[in-house]
Protein backbone atom coordinates (compact mmCIF):
# COMPACT_ATOMS: atom_id res chain seq x y z
CA UNK A 1 54.85 -207.70 56.25
CA UNK A 2 51.09 -207.41 56.60
CA UNK A 3 48.78 -209.57 58.57
CA UNK A 4 45.31 -210.47 57.51
CA UNK A 5 42.34 -209.00 59.39
CA UNK A 6 41.36 -212.60 60.16
CA UNK A 7 44.48 -212.95 62.29
CA UNK A 8 43.41 -210.24 64.76
CA UNK A 9 39.66 -210.83 64.72
CA UNK A 10 38.01 -211.50 68.02
CA UNK A 11 34.51 -212.76 68.55
CA UNK A 12 32.07 -213.00 71.37
CA UNK A 13 30.96 -216.57 72.06
CA UNK A 14 27.29 -217.38 71.48
CA UNK A 15 25.16 -220.50 71.24
CA UNK A 16 26.33 -221.20 67.68
CA UNK A 17 29.97 -220.96 68.77
CA UNK A 18 29.27 -223.12 71.85
CA UNK A 19 27.85 -225.93 69.72
CA UNK A 20 30.32 -225.62 66.81
CA UNK A 21 33.07 -227.73 68.41
CA UNK A 22 33.28 -230.09 71.41
CA UNK A 23 36.22 -228.06 72.77
CA UNK A 24 34.05 -224.91 72.74
CA UNK A 25 31.24 -226.72 74.57
CA UNK A 26 33.59 -227.86 77.32
CA UNK A 27 35.70 -224.68 77.47
CA UNK A 28 32.58 -222.58 77.88
CA UNK A 29 31.46 -224.81 80.76
CA UNK A 30 28.46 -226.36 78.96
CA UNK A 31 27.17 -222.82 78.42
CA UNK A 32 28.04 -221.19 81.77
CA UNK A 33 30.73 -219.15 80.03
CA UNK A 34 28.12 -217.45 77.88
CA UNK A 35 26.87 -215.53 80.91
CA UNK A 36 27.38 -211.77 80.52
CA UNK A 37 27.96 -211.47 84.27
CA UNK A 38 30.50 -213.46 86.33
CA UNK A 39 31.14 -216.35 83.90
CA UNK A 40 34.09 -217.56 86.02
CA UNK A 41 31.90 -217.78 89.09
CA UNK A 42 29.24 -219.71 87.17
CA UNK A 43 31.94 -221.94 85.69
CA UNK A 44 33.18 -222.75 89.17
CA UNK A 45 29.64 -223.77 90.13
CA UNK A 46 29.59 -226.22 87.19
CA UNK A 47 32.18 -228.27 89.06
CA UNK A 48 29.71 -229.17 91.81
CA UNK A 49 27.50 -231.57 89.79
CA UNK A 50 30.60 -233.12 88.23
CA UNK A 51 32.09 -233.60 91.69
CA UNK A 52 28.93 -235.19 93.07
CA UNK A 53 28.73 -237.45 90.03
CA UNK A 54 32.36 -238.57 90.19
CA UNK A 55 33.26 -238.43 93.90
CA UNK A 56 32.29 -242.03 94.61
CA UNK A 57 34.35 -243.31 91.70
CA UNK A 58 37.67 -244.97 92.52
CA UNK A 59 38.87 -243.19 89.39
CA UNK A 60 38.04 -239.69 90.69
CA UNK A 61 41.63 -238.43 90.56
CA UNK A 62 42.18 -239.99 87.13
CA UNK A 63 39.14 -238.08 85.87
CA UNK A 64 40.42 -234.83 87.38
CA UNK A 65 43.87 -235.33 85.83
CA UNK A 66 42.21 -236.06 82.48
CA UNK A 67 40.08 -232.89 82.77
CA UNK A 68 43.17 -230.82 83.60
CA UNK A 69 45.29 -232.29 80.79
CA UNK A 70 42.50 -232.00 78.22
CA UNK A 71 41.86 -228.49 79.50
CA UNK A 72 45.15 -227.31 78.02
CA UNK A 73 43.94 -228.38 74.56
CA UNK A 74 40.29 -227.40 75.10
CA UNK A 75 41.14 -223.88 76.30
CA UNK A 76 43.84 -223.45 73.65
CA UNK A 77 41.50 -224.34 70.77
CA UNK A 78 38.69 -222.18 72.07
CA UNK A 79 40.94 -219.22 72.80
CA UNK A 80 42.40 -219.36 69.29
CA UNK A 81 38.94 -219.59 67.74
CA UNK A 82 37.72 -216.64 69.83
CA UNK A 83 40.83 -214.63 69.02
CA UNK A 84 41.53 -214.10 72.74
CA UNK A 85 43.71 -216.73 74.45
CA UNK A 86 42.14 -216.30 77.90
CA UNK A 87 38.66 -215.02 77.05
CA UNK A 88 36.45 -214.52 80.12
CA UNK A 89 33.91 -216.98 78.73
CA UNK A 90 36.45 -219.81 78.88
CA UNK A 91 35.64 -221.41 82.22
CA UNK A 92 36.90 -225.00 81.87
CA UNK A 93 39.95 -223.90 83.84
CA UNK A 94 37.68 -223.04 86.80
CA UNK A 95 35.68 -226.26 86.43
CA UNK A 96 38.69 -228.59 86.33
CA UNK A 97 40.75 -226.76 88.95
CA UNK A 98 37.87 -226.54 91.42
CA UNK A 99 37.53 -230.33 91.14
CA UNK A 100 40.99 -230.43 92.75
CA UNK A 101 39.69 -228.44 95.73
CA UNK A 102 36.34 -230.07 96.50
CA UNK A 103 37.64 -233.33 98.04
CA UNK A 104 39.50 -231.25 100.64
CA UNK A 105 36.43 -229.27 101.68
CA UNK A 106 34.38 -230.33 104.68
CA UNK A 107 31.62 -232.36 103.04
CA UNK A 108 28.68 -230.17 104.03
CA UNK A 109 27.21 -226.93 102.70
CA UNK A 110 29.37 -224.60 104.86
CA UNK A 111 32.50 -226.49 103.80
CA UNK A 112 31.60 -226.30 100.12
CA UNK A 113 30.82 -222.60 100.50
CA UNK A 114 34.20 -222.01 102.15
CA UNK A 115 36.01 -223.93 99.39
CA UNK A 116 34.13 -221.96 96.74
CA UNK A 117 34.92 -218.62 98.40
CA UNK A 118 38.62 -219.45 98.82
CA UNK A 119 38.99 -220.65 95.24
CA UNK A 120 37.24 -217.59 93.78
CA UNK A 121 39.31 -215.30 96.05
CA UNK A 122 42.62 -216.76 94.88
CA UNK A 123 41.48 -216.98 91.25
CA UNK A 124 40.52 -213.29 91.22
CA UNK A 125 43.23 -211.92 93.53
CA UNK A 126 46.06 -213.95 91.94
CA UNK A 127 48.68 -213.69 94.73
CA UNK A 128 52.31 -214.40 93.85
CA UNK A 129 53.27 -216.38 91.85
CA UNK A 130 49.85 -216.76 90.21
CA UNK A 131 49.74 -213.31 88.55
CA UNK A 132 53.41 -213.59 87.56
CA UNK A 133 52.85 -216.94 85.83
CA UNK A 134 49.53 -215.82 84.37
CA UNK A 135 51.33 -212.95 82.60
CA UNK A 136 54.02 -215.26 81.19
CA UNK A 137 52.42 -218.62 80.42
CA UNK A 138 50.62 -218.58 77.10
CA UNK A 139 47.99 -220.64 75.32
CA UNK A 140 45.93 -223.33 76.93
CA UNK A 141 48.60 -224.09 79.53
CA UNK A 142 48.56 -220.48 80.67
CA UNK A 143 44.78 -220.52 80.93
CA UNK A 144 44.84 -223.67 83.08
CA UNK A 145 47.91 -222.90 85.19
CA UNK A 146 46.65 -219.90 87.18
CA UNK A 147 43.51 -221.76 88.23
CA UNK A 148 45.50 -224.83 89.25
CA UNK A 149 47.65 -222.60 91.47
CA UNK A 150 44.53 -220.93 92.90
CA UNK A 151 43.32 -224.46 93.69
CA UNK A 152 46.61 -225.18 95.44
CA UNK A 153 46.29 -222.08 97.63
CA UNK A 154 42.69 -223.06 98.44
CA UNK A 155 43.70 -226.59 99.39
CA UNK A 156 46.47 -225.32 101.67
CA UNK A 157 43.96 -223.02 103.41
CA UNK A 158 41.40 -225.81 103.79
CA UNK A 159 44.02 -228.16 105.24
CA UNK A 160 45.19 -225.41 107.60
CA UNK A 161 41.65 -224.76 108.77
CA UNK A 162 41.08 -228.49 109.25
CA UNK A 163 44.26 -228.74 111.35
CA UNK A 164 43.41 -225.64 113.36
CA UNK A 165 39.91 -226.85 114.16
């Protein structure tokens, strides 16, 4: 059995790709994922304006759950269209997962900086079971799952620091 070259083709996202589909626009973090350097870090930063916009809403957690659920589809579509399920330019997982963390951060610059550092640490380091699940979960769910677990580790640390202080 042969497979077509189309099946294995990968592409690098660009402005045309970003604007070609709403899922691409969101998955690439409104363009942050196009950065050649540290797209995940820039994607995490995209969560800040969304947080500040939504934090006063009584529907904050509903929005976050919607972003996480839609993220499975958004990241799945974009990964398939790029030919790489978890392409580095896909940053919606960082955006949505970091929105889980921000309400637990002390609401001042040092607190936000700590939350950001913890989330990026766990997202990059991938302590057990994050790396284990990341290697096994596929598609959009796999893309979203490791960041949601990194958010969980970050929240536990922030709550521990809050209790300790």
